[in-house]
Amino acid sequence: MLGGVDGRQIGKLPRDTALPDNIIYLDVVRNVWSQWRERWPTPVVCTPAVRLVDDWIIPSGELMAGVRTTEVWAWQIKG
């Protein structure tokens, strides 16, 4: 599970504020939320993350409410 919406959007119209670029993840072994050391190049929501061998593919997504991107990212977790 990945995410990073941090409350900066509260009280604003959805198109007024870009998404945070930090990566927050749940370590299911330790049951602890942590922040990843890297940043998303282009943070998106409303998209699946699909595993392909050692990569996670993140196709398209919304940059802000109603604003989609055609970018496709491959992300590899290196612990």
PDB file of N, CA and C in Angstrom:
ATOM      1  N   MET A   1       0.855  -1.161   0.000  1.00  0.00           N
ATOM      2  CA  MET A   1       0.000   0.000   0.000  1.00  0.00           C
ATOM      3  C   MET A   1       0.905   1.228   0.000  1.00  0.00           C
ATOM      4  N   LEU A   2       0.674   2.112  -0.930  1.00  0.00           N
ATOM      5  CA  LEU A   2       1.444   3.344  -1.021  1.00  0.00           C
ATOM      6  C   LEU A   2       0.500   4.530  -0.956  1.00  0.00           C
ATOM      7  N   GLY A   3       0.960   5.621  -0.438  1.00  0.00           N
ATOM      8  CA  GLY A   3       0.132   6.811  -0.378  1.00  0.00           C
ATOM      9  C   GLY A   3       0.928   7.981   0.123  1.00  0.00           C
ATOM     10  N   GLY A   4       0.287   9.102   0.269  1.00  0.00           N
ATOM     11  CA  GLY A   4       1.009  10.254   0.756  1.00  0.00           C
ATOM     12  C   GLY A   4       0.164  11.500   0.899  1.00  0.00           C
ATOM     13  N   VAL A   5      -1.145  11.410   0.755  1.00  0.00           N
ATOM     14  CA  VAL A   5      -1.990  12.586   0.926  1.00  0.00           C
ATOM     15  C   VAL A   5      -1.911  12.980   2.399  1.00  0.00           C
ATOM     16  N   ASP A   6      -1.473  14.219   2.628  1.00  0.00           N
ATOM     17  CA  ASP A   6      -1.109  14.614   3.985  1.00  0.00           C
ATOM     18  C   ASP A   6      -1.976  15.700   4.607  1.00  0.00           C
ATOM     19  N   GLY A   7      -3.092  16.045   3.978  1.00  0.00           N
ATOM     20  CA  GLY A   7      -3.982  17.037   4.556  1.00  0.00           C
ATOM     21  C   GLY A   7      -3.825  18.435   3.992  1.00  0.00           C
ATOM     22  N   ARG A   8      -2.832  18.662   3.132  1.00  0.00           N
ATOM     23  CA  ARG A   8      -2.672  19.997   2.533  1.00  0.00           C
ATOM     24  C   ARG A   8      -3.886  20.395   1.699  1.00  0.00           C
ATOM     25  N   GLN A   9      -4.685  19.402   1.287  1.00  0.00           N
ATOM     26  CA  GLN A   9      -5.822  19.666   0.422  1.00  0.00           C
ATOM     27  C   GLN A   9      -7.076  20.065   1.183  1.00  0.00           C
ATOM     28  N   ILE A  10      -7.080  19.943   2.493  1.00  0.00           N
ATOM     29  CA  ILE A  10      -8.272  20.230   3.277  1.00  0.00           C
ATOM     30  C   ILE A  10      -8.713  21.675   3.078  1.00  0.00           C
ATOM     31  N   GLY A  11      -9.976  21.844   2.724  1.00  0.00           N
ATOM     32  CA  GLY A  11     -10.539  23.170   2.552  1.00  0.00           C
ATOM     33  C   GLY A  11     -10.251  23.827   1.212  1.00  0.00           C
ATOM     34  N   LYS A  12      -9.581  23.116   0.311  1.00  0.00           N
ATOM     35  CA  LYS A  12      -9.251  23.665  -1.003  1.00  0.00           C
ATOM     36  C   LYS A  12      -9.989  22.889  -2.079  1.00  0.00           C
ATOM     37  N   LEU A  13     -10.191  23.519  -3.198  1.00  0.00           N
ATOM     38  CA  LEU A  13     -10.752  22.800  -4.326  1.00  0.00           C
ATOM     39  C   LEU A  13      -9.748  21.750  -4.778  1.00  0.00           C
ATOM     40  N   PRO A  14     -10.220  20.570  -5.202  1.00  0.00           N
ATOM     41  CA  PRO A  14      -9.295  19.491  -5.560  1.00  0.00           C
ATOM     42  C   PRO A  14      -8.250  19.862  -6.608  1.00  0.00           C
ATOM     43  N   ARG A  15      -8.554  20.786  -7.508  1.00  0.00           N
ATOM     44  CA  ARG A  15      -7.587  21.130  -8.558  1.00  0.00           C
ATOM     45  C   ARG A  15      -6.599  22.204  -8.133  1.00  0.00           C
ATOM     46  N   ASP A  16      -6.730  22.715  -6.919  1.00  0.00           N
ATOM     47  CA  ASP A  16      -5.856  23.799  -6.464  1.00  0.00           C
ATOM     48  C   ASP A  16      -4.518  23.313  -5.912  1.00  0.00           C
ATOM     49  N   THR A  17      -4.429  22.071  -5.512  1.00  0.00           N
ATOM     50  CA  THR A  17      -3.248  21.589  -4.803  1.00  0.00           C
ATOM     51  C   THR A  17      -2.736  20.294  -5.419  1.00  0.00           C
ATOM     52  N   ALA A  18      -1.481  20.289  -5.808  1.00  0.00           N
ATOM     53  CA  ALA A  18      -0.867  19.064  -6.337  1.00  0.00           C
ATOM     54  C   ALA A  18      -0.679  18.066  -5.197  1.00  0.00           C
ATOM     55  N   LEU A  19      -0.522  16.823  -5.549  1.00  0.00           N
ATOM     56  CA  LEU A  19      -0.324  15.770  -4.557  1.00  0.00           C
ATOM     57  C   LEU A  19       1.080  15.828  -3.970  1.00  0.00           C
ATOM     58  N   PRO A  20       1.244  15.425  -2.719  1.00  0.00           N
ATOM     59  CA  PRO A  20       2.577  15.359  -2.129  1.00  0.00           C
ATOM     60  C   PRO A  20       3.432  14.336  -2.878  1.00  0.00           C
ATOM     61  N   ASP A  21       4.750  14.528  -2.910  1.00  0.00           N
ATOM     62  CA  ASP A  21       5.610  13.601  -3.625  1.00  0.00           C
ATOM     63  C   ASP A  21       6.317  12.607  -2.705  1.00  0.00           C
ATOM     64  N   ASN A  22       5.956  12.613  -1.418  1.00  0.00           N
ATOM     65  CA  ASN A  22       6.568  11.627  -0.530  1.00  0.00           C
ATOM     66  C   ASN A  22       5.884  10.272  -0.684  1.00  0.00           C
ATOM     67  N   ILE A  23       6.605   9.220  -0.325  1.00  0.00           N
ATOM     68  CA  ILE A  23       6.098   7.854  -0.419  1.00  0.00           C
ATOM     69  C   ILE A  23       5.968   7.317   1.002  1.00  0.00           C
ATOM     70  N   ILE A  24       4.760   6.973   1.380  1.00  0.00           N
ATOM     71  CA  ILE A  24       4.500   6.409   2.699  1.00  0.00           C
ATOM     72  C   ILE A  24       4.099   4.955   2.494  1.00  0.00           C
ATOM     73  N   TYR A  25       4.663   4.065   3.299  1.00  0.00           N
ATOM     74  CA  TYR A  25       4.356   2.645   3.122  1.00  0.00           C
ATOM     75  C   TYR A  25       4.118   1.978   4.475  1.00  0.00           C
ATOM     76  N   LEU A  26       3.394   0.864   4.418  1.00  0.00           N
ATOM     77  CA  LEU A  26       3.129   0.076   5.622  1.00  0.00           C
ATOM     78  C   LEU A  26       4.030  -1.144   5.619  1.00  0.00           C
ATOM     79  N   ASP A  27       4.891  -1.238   6.605  1.00  0.00           N
ATOM     80  CA  ASP A  27       5.727  -2.424   6.798  1.00  0.00           C
ATOM     81  C   ASP A  27       4.861  -3.440   7.540  1.00  0.00           C
ATOM     82  N   VAL A  28       4.356  -4.431   6.811  1.00  0.00           N
ATOM     83  CA  VAL A  28       3.399  -5.364   7.403  1.00  0.00           C
ATOM     84  C   VAL A  28       4.046  -6.306   8.407  1.00  0.00           C
ATOM     85  N   VAL A  29       5.348  -6.511   8.333  1.00  0.00           N
ATOM     86  CA  VAL A  29       6.044  -7.365   9.300  1.00  0.00           C
ATOM     87  C   VAL A  29       6.118  -6.666  10.658  1.00  0.00           C
ATOM     88  N   ARG A  30       6.489  -5.373  10.638  1.00  0.00           N
ATOM     89  CA  ARG A  30       6.618  -4.612  11.889  1.00  0.00           C
ATOM     90  C   ARG A  30       5.346  -3.880  12.282  1.00  0.00           C
ATOM     91  N   ASN A  31       4.353  -3.822  11.349  1.00  0.00           N
ATOM     92  CA  ASN A  31       3.105  -3.094  11.563  1.00  0.00           C
ATOM     93  C   ASN A  31       3.361  -1.622  11.879  1.00  0.00           C
ATOM     94  N   VAL A  32       4.211  -1.000  11.037  1.00  0.00           N
ATOM     95  CA  VAL A  32       4.616   0.390  11.236  1.00  0.00           C
ATOM     96  C   VAL A  32       4.535   1.129   9.902  1.00  0.00           C
ATOM     97  N   TRP A  33       3.969   2.352   9.923  1.00  0.00           N
ATOM     98  CA  TRP A  33       3.983   3.228   8.749  1.00  0.00           C
ATOM     99  C   TRP A  33       5.308   3.967   8.732  1.00  0.00           C
ATOM    100  N   SER A  34       5.918   4.080   7.545  1.00  0.00           N
ATOM    101  CA  SER A  34       7.196   4.777   7.406  1.00  0.00           C
ATOM    102  C   SER A  34       7.208   5.595   6.126  1.00  0.00           C
ATOM    103  N   GLN A  35       8.169   6.511   6.046  1.00  0.00           N
ATOM    104  CA  GLN A  35       8.337   7.295   4.829  1.00  0.00           C
ATOM    105  C   GLN A  35       9.567   6.793   4.092  1.00  0.00           C
ATOM    106  N   TRP A  36       9.409   6.508   2.789  1.00  0.00           N
ATOM    107  CA  TRP A  36      10.497   6.025   1.946  1.00  0.00           C
ATOM    108  C   TRP A  36      11.492   7.156   1.720  1.00  0.00           C
ATOM    109  N   ARG A  37      12.755   6.826   1.514  1.00  0.00           N
ATOM    110  CA  ARG A  37      13.803   7.854   1.367  1.00  0.00           C
ATOM    111  C   ARG A  37      13.752   8.569   0.021  1.00  0.00           C
ATOM    112  N   GLU A  38      13.136   7.968  -0.988  1.00  0.00           N
ATOM    113  CA  GLU A  38      13.037   8.585  -2.307  1.00  0.00           C
ATOM    114  C   GLU A  38      11.693   9.301  -2.445  1.00  0.00           C
ATOM    115  N   ARG A  39      11.551  10.092  -3.506  1.00  0.00           N
ATOM    116  CA  ARG A  39      10.311  10.816  -3.796  1.00  0.00           C
ATOM    117  C   ARG A  39       9.729  10.314  -5.098  1.00  0.00           C
ATOM    118  N   TRP A  40       8.407  10.429  -5.257  1.00  0.00           N
ATOM    119  CA  TRP A  40       7.768  10.121  -6.534  1.00  0.00           C
ATOM    120  C   TRP A  40       8.165  11.181  -7.544  1.00  0.00           C
ATOM    121  N   PRO A  41       8.558  10.781  -8.750  1.00  0.00           N
ATOM    122  CA  PRO A  41       8.851  11.779  -9.779  1.00  0.00           C
ATOM    123  C   PRO A  41       7.588  12.564 -10.154  1.00  0.00           C
ATOM    124  N   THR A  42       6.476  11.861 -10.292  1.00  0.00           N
ATOM    125  CA  THR A  42       5.189  12.484 -10.592  1.00  0.00           C
ATOM    126  C   THR A  42       4.137  11.751  -9.759  1.00  0.00           C
ATOM    127  N   PRO A  43       3.752  12.298  -8.597  1.00  0.00           N
ATOM    128  CA  PRO A  43       2.787  11.596  -7.758  1.00  0.00           C
ATOM    129  C   PRO A  43       1.409  11.537  -8.418  1.00  0.00           C
ATOM    130  N   VAL A  44       0.771  10.373  -8.360  1.00  0.00           N
ATOM    131  CA  VAL A  44      -0.548  10.172  -8.954  1.00  0.00           C
ATOM    132  C   VAL A  44      -1.454   9.402  -7.992  1.00  0.00           C
ATOM    133  N   VAL A  45      -2.758   9.515  -8.235  1.00  0.00           N
ATOM    134  CA  VAL A  45      -3.752   8.725  -7.512  1.00  0.00           C
ATOM    135  C   VAL A  45      -4.666   8.076  -8.535  1.00  0.00           C
ATOM    136  N   CYS A  46      -5.579   7.251  -8.046  1.00  0.00           N
ATOM    137  CA  CYS A  46      -6.586   6.600  -8.902  1.00  0.00           C
ATOM    138  C   CYS A  46      -5.943   5.745  -9.974  1.00  0.00           C
ATOM    139  N   THR A  47      -4.974   4.947  -9.593  1.00  0.00           N
ATOM    140  CA  THR A  47      -4.311   4.062 -10.542  1.00  0.00           C
ATOM    141  C   THR A  47      -3.851   2.803  -9.817  1.00  0.00           C
ATOM    142  N   PRO A  48      -3.784   1.680 -10.511  1.00  0.00           N
ATOM    143  CA  PRO A  48      -3.268   0.469  -9.873  1.00  0.00           C
ATOM    144  C   PRO A  48      -1.743   0.458  -9.900  1.00  0.00           C
ATOM    145  N   ALA A  49      -1.171  -0.360  -9.058  1.00  0.00           N
ATOM    146  CA  ALA A  49       0.253  -0.685  -9.126  1.00  0.00           C
ATOM    147  C   ALA A  49       0.301  -2.183  -9.418  1.00  0.00           C
ATOM    148  N   VAL A  50       0.955  -2.547 -10.504  1.00  0.00           N
ATOM    149  CA  VAL A  50       0.964  -3.932 -10.969  1.00  0.00           C
ATOM    150  C   VAL A  50       2.386  -4.468 -10.915  1.00  0.00           C
ATOM    151  N   ARG A  51       2.561  -5.617 -10.283  1.00  0.00           N
ATOM    152  CA  ARG A  51       3.900  -6.197 -10.181  1.00  0.00           C
ATOM    153  C   ARG A  51       4.260  -6.927 -11.460  1.00  0.00           C
ATOM    154  N   LEU A  52       5.470  -6.679 -11.969  1.00  0.00           N
ATOM    155  CA  LEU A  52       5.997  -7.350 -13.147  1.00  0.00           C
ATOM    156  C   LEU A  52       7.427  -7.757 -12.828  1.00  0.00           C
ATOM    157  N   VAL A  53       7.623  -9.010 -12.483  1.00  0.00           N
ATOM    158  CA  VAL A  53       8.905  -9.564 -12.029  1.00  0.00           C
ATOM    159  C   VAL A  53       9.377  -8.761 -10.810  1.00  0.00           C
ATOM    160  N   ASP A  54      10.453  -7.961 -10.920  1.00  0.00           N
ATOM    161  CA  ASP A  54      10.972  -7.184  -9.780  1.00  0.00           C
ATOM    162  C   ASP A  54      10.526  -5.735  -9.778  1.00  0.00           C
ATOM    163  N   ASP A  55       9.716  -5.337 -10.754  1.00  0.00           N
ATOM    164  CA  ASP A  55       9.264  -3.956 -10.870  1.00  0.00           C
ATOM    165  C   ASP A  55       7.803  -3.826 -10.487  1.00  0.00           C
ATOM    166  N   TRP A  56       7.434  -2.634 -10.050  1.00  0.00           N
ATOM    167  CA  TRP A  56       6.032  -2.265  -9.887  1.00  0.00           C
ATOM    168  C   TRP A  56       5.725  -1.252 -10.980  1.00  0.00           C
ATOM    169  N   ILE A  57       4.728  -1.538 -11.806  1.00  0.00           N
ATOM    170  CA  ILE A  57       4.337  -0.676 -12.906  1.00  0.00           C
ATOM    171  C   ILE A  57       3.161   0.179 -12.443  1.00  0.00           C
ATOM    172  N   ILE A  58       3.275   1.484 -12.651  1.00  0.00           N
ATOM    173  CA  ILE A  58       2.226   2.421 -12.257  1.00  0.00           C
ATOM    174  C   ILE A  58       1.789   3.154 -13.527  1.00  0.00           C
ATOM    175  N   PRO A  59       0.673   2.707 -14.115  1.00  0.00           N
ATOM    176  CA  PRO A  59       0.238   3.278 -15.391  1.00  0.00           C
ATOM    177  C   PRO A  59      -0.715   4.458 -15.210  1.00  0.00           C
ATOM    178  N   SER A  60      -0.362   5.585 -15.778  1.00  0.00           N
ATOM    179  CA  SER A  60      -1.249   6.736 -15.815  1.00  0.00           C
ATOM    180  C   SER A  60      -1.588   7.199 -14.403  1.00  0.00           C
ATOM    181  N   GLY A  61      -2.784   7.701 -14.184  1.00  0.00           N
ATOM    182  CA  GLY A  61      -3.223   8.201 -12.889  1.00  0.00           C
ATOM    183  C   GLY A  61      -3.580   9.670 -12.959  1.00  0.00           C
ATOM    184  N   GLU A  62      -4.118  10.174 -11.872  1.00  0.00           N
ATOM    185  CA  GLU A  62      -4.506  11.587 -11.787  1.00  0.00           C
ATOM    186  C   GLU A  62      -3.453  12.375 -11.023  1.00  0.00           C
ATOM    187  N   LEU A  63      -3.037  13.505 -11.607  1.00  0.00           N
ATOM    188  CA  LEU A  63      -2.110  14.418 -10.949  1.00  0.00           C
ATOM    189  C   LEU A  63      -2.838  15.275  -9.929  1.00  0.00           C
ATOM    190  N   MET A  64      -4.077  15.632 -10.275  1.00  0.00           N
ATOM    191  CA  MET A  64      -5.010  16.373  -9.433  1.00  0.00           C
ATOM    192  C   MET A  64      -6.394  15.894  -9.856  1.00  0.00           C
ATOM    193  N   ALA A  65      -7.408  16.303  -9.157  1.00  0.00           N
ATOM    194  CA  ALA A  65      -8.762  15.871  -9.500  1.00  0.00           C
ATOM    195  C   ALA A  65      -9.074  16.211 -10.955  1.00  0.00           C
ATOM    196  N   GLY A  66      -9.370  15.192 -11.749  1.00  0.00           N
ATOM    197  CA  GLY A  66      -9.761  15.383 -13.139  1.00  0.00           C
ATOM    198  C   GLY A  66      -8.630  15.654 -14.104  1.00  0.00           C
ATOM    199  N   VAL A  67      -7.384  15.652 -13.630  1.00  0.00           N
ATOM    200  CA  VAL A  67      -6.235  15.905 -14.498  1.00  0.00           C
ATOM    201  C   VAL A  67      -5.401  14.634 -14.569  1.00  0.00           C
ATOM    202  N   ARG A  68      -5.468  13.924 -15.713  1.00  0.00           N
ATOM    203  CA  ARG A  68      -4.761  12.652 -15.866  1.00  0.00           C
ATOM    204  C   ARG A  68      -3.430  12.849 -16.574  1.00  0.00           C
ATOM    205  N   THR A  69      -2.525  11.918 -16.343  1.00  0.00           N
ATOM    206  CA  THR A  69      -1.249  11.882 -17.040  1.00  0.00           C
ATOM    207  C   THR A  69      -1.174  10.610 -17.871  1.00  0.00           C
ATOM    208  N   THR A  70      -0.413  10.650 -18.941  1.00  0.00           N
ATOM    209  CA  THR A  70      -0.203   9.448 -19.754  1.00  0.00           C
ATOM    210  C   THR A  70       1.110   8.762 -19.392  1.00  0.00           C
ATOM    211  N   GLU A  71       1.838   9.306 -18.419  1.00  0.00           N
ATOM    212  CA  GLU A  71       3.118   8.715 -18.018  1.00  0.00           C
ATOM    213  C   GLU A  71       2.896   7.336 -17.393  1.00  0.00           C
ATOM    214  N   VAL A  72       3.855   6.446 -17.622  1.00  0.00           N
ATOM    215  CA  VAL A  72       3.855   5.116 -17.014  1.00  0.00           C
ATOM    216  C   VAL A  72       5.200   4.958 -16.320  1.00  0.00           C
ATOM    217  N   TRP A  73       5.168   4.600 -15.045  1.00  0.00           N
ATOM    218  CA  TRP A  73       6.385   4.470 -14.265  1.00  0.00           C
ATOM    219  C   TRP A  73       6.653   3.016 -13.922  1.00  0.00           C
ATOM    220  N   ALA A  74       7.928   2.656 -13.864  1.00  0.00           N
ATOM    221  CA  ALA A  74       8.358   1.361 -13.341  1.00  0.00           C
ATOM    222  C   ALA A  74       9.190   1.686 -12.096  1.00  0.00           C
ATOM    223  N   TRP A  75       8.840   1.085 -10.992  1.00  0.00           N
ATOM    224  CA  TRP A  75       9.499   1.369  -9.735  1.00  0.00           C
ATOM    225  C   TRP A  75       9.993   0.057  -9.149  1.00  0.00           C
ATOM    226  N   GLN A  76      11.239   0.022  -8.715  1.00  0.00           N
ATOM    227  CA  GLN A  76      11.800  -1.182  -8.121  1.00  0.00           C
ATOM    228  C   GLN A  76      12.198  -0.890  -6.680  1.00  0.00           C
ATOM    229  N   ILE A  77      11.665  -1.680  -5.781  1.00  0.00           N
ATOM    230  CA  ILE A  77      11.961  -1.497  -4.358  1.00  0.00           C
ATOM    231  C   ILE A  77      13.319  -2.105  -4.053  1.00  0.00           C
ATOM    232  N   LYS A  78      14.206  -1.271  -3.545  1.00  0.00           N
ATOM    233  CA  LYS A  78      15.539  -1.725  -3.151  1.00  0.00           C
ATOM    234  C   LYS A  78      15.692  -1.421  -1.675  1.00  0.00           C
ATOM    235  N   GLY A  79      15.508  -2.440  -0.851  1.00  0.00           N
ATOM    236  CA  GLY A  79      15.480  -2.277   0.588  1.00  0.00           C
ATOM    237  C   GLY A  79      16.721  -1.734   1.146  1.00  0.00           C
TER     238      GLY A  79
END
